[in-house]
Protein backbone atom coordinates (compact mmCIF):
# COMPACT_ATOMS: atom_id res chain seq x y z
CA MET A 1 61.85 26.72 77.68
CA ILE A 2 58.44 27.78 78.89
CA TRP A 3 57.86 24.68 81.04
CA ARG A 4 59.83 23.03 83.78
CA PHE A 5 60.46 19.36 82.99
CA MET A 6 57.31 17.26 82.72
CA LYS A 7 57.02 14.05 80.72
CA VAL A 8 54.00 14.28 78.40
CA LEU A 9 53.19 11.77 75.64
CA HIS A 10 51.16 13.04 72.67
CA CYS A 11 49.39 10.32 70.66
CA TYR A 12 47.87 10.77 67.23
CA ARG A 13 47.48 8.70 64.08
CA THR A 14 49.77 10.80 61.85
CA PHE A 15 52.65 13.21 62.27
CA PHE A 16 55.50 14.93 60.45
CA PRO A 17 57.31 14.27 58.21
CA GLU A 18 55.06 11.58 56.69
CA SER A 19 51.91 13.68 57.00
CA GLN A 20 51.70 17.47 56.83
CA GLY A 21 48.54 19.18 57.99
CA GLY A 22 47.12 21.67 60.43
CA LEU A 23 46.54 19.14 63.20
CA GLU A 24 50.10 17.85 62.93
CA GLN A 25 51.33 21.45 63.10
CA ALA A 26 49.26 22.05 66.25
CA ILE A 27 50.64 18.94 67.96
CA PHE A 28 54.16 19.97 67.00
CA GLU A 29 53.64 23.41 68.53
CA MET A 30 52.31 21.86 71.76
CA ALA A 31 55.16 19.36 72.02
CA SER A 32 57.98 21.71 70.99
CA ASN A 33 57.09 24.08 73.81
CA SER A 34 57.44 21.33 76.43
CA GLU A 35 60.89 20.04 77.27
CA GLY A 36 59.61 16.61 78.25
CA SER A 37 57.12 16.01 75.42
CA GLU A 38 57.28 13.14 72.96
CA VAL A 39 54.96 12.13 70.09
CA LEU A 40 53.79 8.56 69.54
CA THR A 41 52.29 7.95 66.11
CA LEU A 42 51.95 5.49 63.23
CA ALA A 43 53.73 5.41 59.87
CA ASP A 44 54.14 3.09 56.89
CA LEU A 45 57.68 2.38 58.08
CA PRO A 46 58.43 2.48 61.83
CA TYR A 47 61.08 4.90 63.03
CA LYS A 48 62.47 6.67 66.05
CA ALA A 49 63.88 10.14 65.47
CA ASN A 50 63.61 13.82 66.29
CA PHE A 51 61.46 16.11 64.18
CA GLU A 52 63.03 19.50 64.79
CA SER A 53 63.24 19.49 68.60
CA VAL A 54 60.48 16.92 69.20
CA PRO A 55 61.23 13.21 69.82
CA VAL A 56 58.95 11.07 67.67
CA ARG A 57 58.41 7.33 67.80
CA ALA A 58 56.33 5.82 65.00
CA SER A 59 55.02 2.26 65.11
CA ARG A 60 54.11 0.49 61.88
CA ARG A 61 50.70 1.28 60.44
CA TRP A 62 49.05 -2.01 59.54
CA PHE A 63 46.04 -0.54 57.72
CA SER A 64 43.54 2.31 57.73
CA LEU A 65 39.76 1.96 57.82
CA ALA A 66 37.54 5.04 57.37
CA SER A 67 40.54 7.30 58.13
CA CYS A 68 41.29 5.33 61.33
CA CYS A 69 44.92 4.19 61.28
CA VAL A 70 45.65 0.94 63.11
CA GLY A 71 49.00 -0.29 64.41
CA PRO A 72 49.16 -2.59 67.46
CA GLY A 73 52.82 -1.74 68.04
CA LEU A 74 51.72 1.62 69.41
CA ILE A 75 49.90 -0.13 72.26
CA THR A 76 53.11 -1.88 73.32
CA THR A 77 55.09 1.36 73.10
CA LEU A 78 52.49 3.29 75.08
CA PHE A 79 52.45 0.64 77.80
CA LYS A 80 56.25 0.68 78.20
CA LYS A 81 56.74 4.44 77.98
CA GLN A 82 57.08 6.34 81.23
CA ALA A 83 55.03 9.52 81.38
CA ASP A 84 53.52 11.89 83.91
CA LEU A 85 50.53 12.52 81.63
CA LEU A 86 49.06 11.25 78.37
CA HIS A 87 47.69 13.71 75.83
CA LEU A 88 45.58 12.05 73.13
CA HIS A 89 44.08 13.81 70.15
CA PHE A 90 40.48 13.02 69.17
CA PRO A 91 39.00 11.63 66.94
CA TRP A 92 41.08 8.49 66.54
CA PRO A 93 39.22 5.33 67.66
CA PHE A 94 42.40 3.24 67.71
CA GLY A 95 43.87 5.80 70.11
CA ASP A 96 40.94 5.11 72.44
CA ILE A 97 41.72 1.38 72.24
CA ALA A 98 45.40 2.07 72.91
CA TYR A 99 44.49 3.95 76.08
CA LEU A 100 42.10 1.18 77.13
CA CYS A 101 44.89 -1.41 76.77
CA ALA A 102 47.94 0.60 77.85
CA GLY A 103 46.80 3.77 79.64
CA ARG A 104 47.61 2.23 83.04
CA ARG A 105 45.31 4.73 84.76
CA ARG A 106 47.70 7.56 83.99
CA PRO A 107 46.34 11.14 83.88
CA LEU A 108 44.66 11.83 80.53
CA VAL A 109 44.06 15.06 78.64
CA VAL A 110 42.12 14.83 75.37
CA THR A 111 42.13 17.59 72.77
CA TYR A 112 38.83 17.29 70.91
CA HIS A 113 39.59 18.43 67.39
CA SER A 114 36.39 17.41 65.64
CA ASP A 115 33.08 15.58 65.88
CA ILE A 116 32.75 12.42 63.82
CA VAL A 117 30.93 13.77 60.78
CA ARG A 118 31.29 11.50 57.77
CA GLN A 119 31.51 7.99 59.27
CA ARG A 120 28.17 8.12 61.10
CA PHE A 121 27.31 4.48 60.40
CA LEU A 122 30.59 3.27 61.86
CA GLY A 123 30.19 5.89 64.57
CA ALA A 124 27.14 4.06 65.89
CA PHE A 125 29.35 1.06 66.68
CA TYR A 126 32.11 3.30 68.06
CA THR A 127 29.89 5.30 70.43
CA PRO A 128 30.25 3.01 73.51
CA LEU A 129 34.05 3.10 73.27
CA MET A 130 34.02 6.87 72.70
CA ARG A 131 31.86 7.43 75.78
CA TRP A 132 34.15 5.24 77.89
CA PHE A 133 37.25 7.05 76.61
CA LEU A 134 35.93 10.59 77.08
CA GLY A 135 34.54 9.57 80.45
CA LYS A 136 38.04 8.51 81.55
CA ALA A 137 39.63 11.81 80.52
CA ASP A 138 40.64 14.13 83.35
CA ARG A 139 40.03 17.08 81.02
CA ILE A 140 38.75 17.51 77.48
CA VAL A 141 39.96 20.53 75.53
CA ALA A 142 37.84 22.23 72.88
CA THR A 143 39.76 24.45 70.49
CA SER A 144 37.16 27.22 70.37
CA PRO A 145 34.08 28.42 72.27
CA GLU A 146 32.04 27.94 69.08
CA TYR A 147 32.88 24.25 68.82
CA LEU A 148 32.07 23.64 72.47
CA ALA A 149 28.70 25.35 72.06
CA SER A 150 27.77 23.50 68.88
CA SER A 151 29.01 19.97 69.58
CA PRO A 152 26.42 17.64 71.16
CA VAL A 153 29.20 15.32 72.30
CA LEU A 154 31.15 18.06 74.08
CA GLN A 155 27.99 19.33 75.74
CA LYS A 156 27.62 15.96 77.50
CA TYR A 157 31.03 16.46 79.12
CA ALA A 158 30.82 20.22 79.60
CA HIS A 159 31.70 19.90 83.30
CA LYS A 160 35.26 18.94 82.38
CA VAL A 161 35.74 20.76 79.09
CA GLU A 162 38.11 23.73 78.84
CA VAL A 163 38.72 25.92 75.80
CA ILE A 164 42.29 26.39 74.61
CA PRO A 165 42.60 27.81 71.07
CA LEU A 166 45.32 26.47 68.83
CA GLY A 167 48.39 28.63 68.30
CA ILE A 168 51.41 28.77 66.00
CA SER A 169 54.89 30.21 66.36
CA GLU A 170 56.60 32.37 63.76
CA SER A 171 59.95 30.96 64.85
CA SER A 172 58.92 27.48 63.65
CA TYR A 173 58.62 28.76 60.08
CA PRO A 174 61.68 29.25 57.86
CA ALA A 175 62.70 32.65 56.58
CA VAL A 176 61.83 33.18 52.92
CA ALA A 177 64.98 33.77 50.91
CA PRO A 178 64.69 36.74 48.47
CA PRO A 179 65.41 34.50 45.43
CA THR A 180 62.55 32.19 46.47
CA LEU A 181 60.15 35.14 46.73
CA VAL A 182 61.25 36.44 43.32
CA GLU A 183 60.84 33.00 41.76
CA LEU A 184 57.35 32.56 43.21
CA SER A 185 56.36 36.06 42.09
CA ASP A 186 57.63 35.43 38.57
CA GLN A 187 55.72 32.16 38.41
CA TYR A 188 52.40 33.14 40.00
CA GLY A 189 52.40 36.91 40.21
CA ARG A 190 51.08 38.76 43.26
CA ASP A 191 47.66 39.37 44.79
CA PHE A 192 46.29 35.93 43.90
CA MET A 193 43.83 34.07 46.12
CA LEU A 194 45.42 31.21 48.04
CA PHE A 195 44.26 27.98 49.63
CA VAL A 196 46.83 25.95 51.58
CA GLY A 197 46.07 22.58 53.13
CA ALA A 198 45.28 18.94 52.58
CA LEU A 199 42.85 18.29 49.73
CA ARG A 200 40.15 16.44 51.67
CA TYR A 201 36.41 15.97 51.20
CA TYR A 202 35.39 18.54 53.84
CA LYS A 203 37.57 21.38 52.52
CA GLY A 204 34.87 22.68 50.14
CA LEU A 205 37.35 23.00 47.29
CA GLU A 206 34.85 22.03 44.61
CA TYR A 207 32.95 25.24 45.48
CA LEU A 208 36.17 27.25 45.28
CA VAL A 209 36.87 25.82 41.81
CA ARG A 210 33.36 26.66 40.59
CA ALA A 211 33.51 30.15 42.15
CA SER A 212 36.78 30.90 40.36
CA VAL A 213 35.55 30.53 36.78
CA SER A 214 36.43 33.61 34.66
CA LEU A 215 37.73 35.67 37.59
CA PRO A 216 40.50 38.08 36.54
CA PHE A 217 43.10 36.72 38.97
CA PRO A 218 44.74 33.36 39.73
CA VAL A 219 43.41 31.08 42.45
CA LEU A 220 46.17 28.87 43.82
CA ILE A 221 45.52 25.56 45.58
CA ALA A 222 48.63 24.37 47.42
CA GLY A 223 48.65 20.89 48.92
CA LYS A 224 47.97 17.27 48.13
CA GLY A 225 45.28 14.83 49.17
CA PRO A 226 42.69 12.29 48.06
CA GLU A 227 40.51 14.90 46.29
CA GLU A 228 43.27 16.20 44.01
CA GLU A 229 42.49 14.33 40.79
CA ARG A 230 38.74 14.90 41.10
CA LEU A 231 39.30 18.63 41.57
CA LYS A 232 41.60 18.83 38.56
CA ARG A 233 38.97 17.14 36.40
CA LEU A 234 36.32 19.53 37.72
CA ALA A 235 38.48 22.55 36.87
CA LEU A 236 38.78 21.31 33.29
CA GLU A 237 35.05 20.59 33.03
CA VAL A 238 33.93 24.05 34.21
CA GLY A 239 36.70 25.98 32.46
CA ALA A 240 38.43 27.25 35.60
CA ASP A 241 41.77 27.70 33.85
CA ASN A 242 42.83 30.34 36.38
CA VAL A 243 42.89 27.69 39.14
CA LEU A 244 46.41 26.37 39.58
CA PHE A 245 47.17 23.18 41.51
CA LEU A 246 50.61 23.47 43.07
CA GLY A 247 50.80 20.11 44.83
CA HIS A 248 53.06 19.82 47.86
CA VAL A 249 54.98 22.99 48.74
CA THR A 250 57.84 23.38 51.19
CA ASP A 251 57.39 25.47 54.33
CA GLU A 252 59.52 28.20 52.77
CA GLU A 253 57.41 28.20 49.61
CA LYS A 254 54.21 28.20 51.66
CA LEU A 255 55.30 31.24 53.62
CA GLY A 256 56.37 32.96 50.40
CA LEU A 257 52.97 32.32 48.83
CA LEU A 258 51.25 33.65 51.94
CA LYS A 259 53.29 36.85 51.74
CA LEU A 260 52.46 37.31 48.05
CA CYS A 261 48.73 36.52 48.08
CA ARG A 262 45.86 39.01 48.35
CA ALA A 263 43.84 36.79 50.70
CA VAL A 264 43.70 33.30 52.19
CA VAL A 265 40.60 31.37 51.11
CA PHE A 266 39.37 28.55 53.33
CA PRO A 267 36.07 27.21 51.95
CA SER A 268 35.56 24.17 54.23
CA HIS A 269 31.86 23.32 54.27
CA LEU A 270 31.57 20.55 56.90
CA ARG A 271 32.11 20.42 60.66
CA SER A 272 35.08 18.12 60.19
CA GLU A 273 36.94 21.42 59.83
CA ALA A 274 37.03 22.35 63.49
CA PHE A 275 39.56 25.19 63.43
CA GLY A 276 41.80 25.73 60.41
CA VAL A 277 45.51 26.22 61.12
CA SER A 278 45.92 27.70 57.63
CA LEU A 279 43.70 30.55 58.81
CA LEU A 280 46.15 31.17 61.67
CA GLU A 281 48.98 31.28 59.15
CA GLY A 282 47.04 33.90 57.22
CA LEU A 283 46.59 35.98 60.39
CA MET A 284 50.27 35.59 61.20
CA VAL A 285 51.41 37.10 57.90
CA GLY A 286 48.76 39.83 58.03
CA LYS A 287 46.41 38.70 55.27
CA PRO A 288 42.61 38.96 55.17
CA LEU A 289 40.71 35.70 55.29
CA ILE A 290 37.71 34.22 53.51
CA SER A 291 36.07 31.39 55.44
CA THR A 292 32.65 29.83 55.92
CA ALA A 293 30.08 29.83 58.73
CA ILE A 294 30.01 26.19 59.87
CA CYS A 295 29.63 26.79 63.64
CA THR A 296 33.23 25.80 64.36
CA GLY A 297 36.46 27.54 65.24
CA THR A 298 36.90 28.97 61.75
CA SER A 299 34.51 31.79 62.69
CA TYR A 300 36.41 32.27 65.95
CA VAL A 301 39.65 32.81 64.04
CA ASN A 302 38.14 34.96 61.28
CA ILE A 303 35.81 37.77 62.35
CA ASP A 304 33.43 38.82 59.59
CA GLN A 305 34.02 42.36 58.28
CA LYS A 306 37.00 42.82 60.60
CA THR A 307 39.64 40.31 59.55
CA GLY A 308 37.88 39.06 56.43
CA HIS A 309 34.68 37.66 54.98
CA VAL A 310 32.65 34.84 56.53
CA VAL A 311 30.25 33.42 53.93
CA PRO A 312 27.66 30.62 53.95
CA PRO A 313 29.14 27.14 53.32
CA ALA A 314 28.88 25.56 49.88
CA ASP A 315 27.70 28.88 48.41
CA VAL A 316 29.51 29.44 45.12
CA GLY A 317 28.07 32.92 44.56
CA ALA A 318 28.96 34.21 48.03
CA LEU A 319 32.47 32.82 47.79
CA ARG A 320 32.94 34.45 44.39
CA CYS A 321 31.68 37.82 45.64
CA ALA A 322 34.02 37.70 48.65
CA MET A 323 37.06 37.09 46.45
CA GLN A 324 36.00 39.84 44.01
CA ASP A 325 35.50 42.29 46.88
CA LEU A 326 39.01 41.86 48.26
CA TRP A 327 40.48 41.94 44.76
CA GLU A 328 38.67 45.17 43.83
CA ASN A 329 39.29 46.92 47.16
CA PRO A 330 42.99 46.76 48.06
CA GLY A 331 42.54 49.38 50.79
CA LYS A 332 40.02 47.18 52.59
CA SER A 333 42.29 44.18 52.09
CA ASP A 334 45.23 46.00 53.69
CA ALA A 335 43.16 47.24 56.65
CA TRP A 336 41.71 43.81 57.35
CA GLY A 337 45.18 42.31 57.00
CA LYS A 338 46.50 44.60 59.74
CA ALA A 339 43.57 43.63 61.96
CA ALA A 340 44.34 39.98 61.23
CA ARG A 341 47.92 40.35 62.40
CA ALA A 342 46.78 42.06 65.60
CA ARG A 343 44.32 39.25 66.30
CA TYR A 344 47.08 36.65 65.85
CA GLU A 345 49.35 38.44 68.33
CA ARG A 346 46.57 38.76 70.88
CA LEU A 347 45.08 35.26 70.77
CA PHE A 348 46.84 32.68 68.65
CA THR A 349 50.54 32.50 69.41
CA ALA A 350 52.08 29.15 70.30
CA ARG A 351 53.40 30.70 73.50
CA LYS A 352 49.89 31.53 74.67
CA MET A 353 48.65 28.04 73.83
CA ALA A 354 51.64 26.39 75.55
CA ARG A 355 51.12 28.35 78.74
CA ALA A 356 47.45 27.34 78.83
CA TYR A 357 48.31 23.66 78.41
CA ASP A 358 51.10 23.93 80.99
CA ASP A 359 48.60 25.28 83.50
CA LEU A 360 46.07 22.56 82.62
CA TYR A 361 48.61 19.73 82.93
CA ARG A 362 49.75 20.92 86.33
CA ARG A 363 46.22 21.28 87.64
CA VAL A 364 45.37 17.74 86.46
CA LEU A 365 48.50 16.33 88.08
CA GLY A 366 47.76 18.26 91.27
CA GLU A 367 44.23 16.86 91.42
CA ARG A 368 45.54 13.34 90.87
CA SER A 369 48.08 13.82 93.68
CA VAL A 370 45.35 14.95 96.08
CA GLU A 371 43.14 12.02 95.07
CA LYS A 372 46.03 9.58 95.64
CA ALA A 373 46.79 11.08 99.06
CA VAL A 374 43.15 10.84 100.12
CA ASN A 375 42.86 7.23 99.01
């Protein structure tokens, strides 16, 4: 293991296997690289089990309001659990309340994944709690320099913000069996455009559907989410019969699709998309990317004209032109794909991320030890 034993509790509202998304993948990578890490979360049915190598304890989710999952059992668990350090993932207002009730003054690291974008009305009521919570944090982690520079909230706490980009590990992905690759190729062909992720309001998928009309190649949308039915209706309305909705795919199927595609398309148009783990997966398999300029980590992962295209958000024409360009120029696509793989190896491996968090945890614990000795 990379780290000597240190008990760290990660807390977030959802986790594998009930929920599958980029943030869950990031938390898994953080926890799986720490021998003493455990994840506390909420689920429809409570459980205690290991996900891969990571111990997970889920308390019952009572309800969700504006994407905020609530389950008082987590407060009890957090209070009882022994830990050297708590690592909470923001935004999750109930997580703030859990720390208020059960943090017990333990060292706190907060990874700031996103500003609150959509629920601004509710955010006005939440602001005092948020300020208290972020004020209590020993360190706040931004996932990219771009998000730190563009977030008004992070700027208020800049004196204790550090940047640690997310990272993923190839070893956490299954090998793609040759029969699976053949089956996927027979079903969808090769060199299609691919989106992988949860189908949420900020993903910009309506613009992808509109941009795909009459293009001479398939556009695959892999994943499930609350926007699925609306997007299917839109595809029928605009005649985007080359857009295929795959629903949930296994990790093996996802990796197979990534290997077969021409490019990964990530059209998120709102700042709720702070980073984009699917973009990292595209880099990892050496594929060019198409993303949008929303002043977040997506433009830190994808460098325009080097690893792919960065286009204006919610711009159907620009998105369409970017897909056509990579389709019509396979040489450019291959060259950018090689640059993408090099960028992954240099900046976005799980090992690099784990080492950065290891260093941060130890510095926070060291500072707390000095403070305790002085007092």
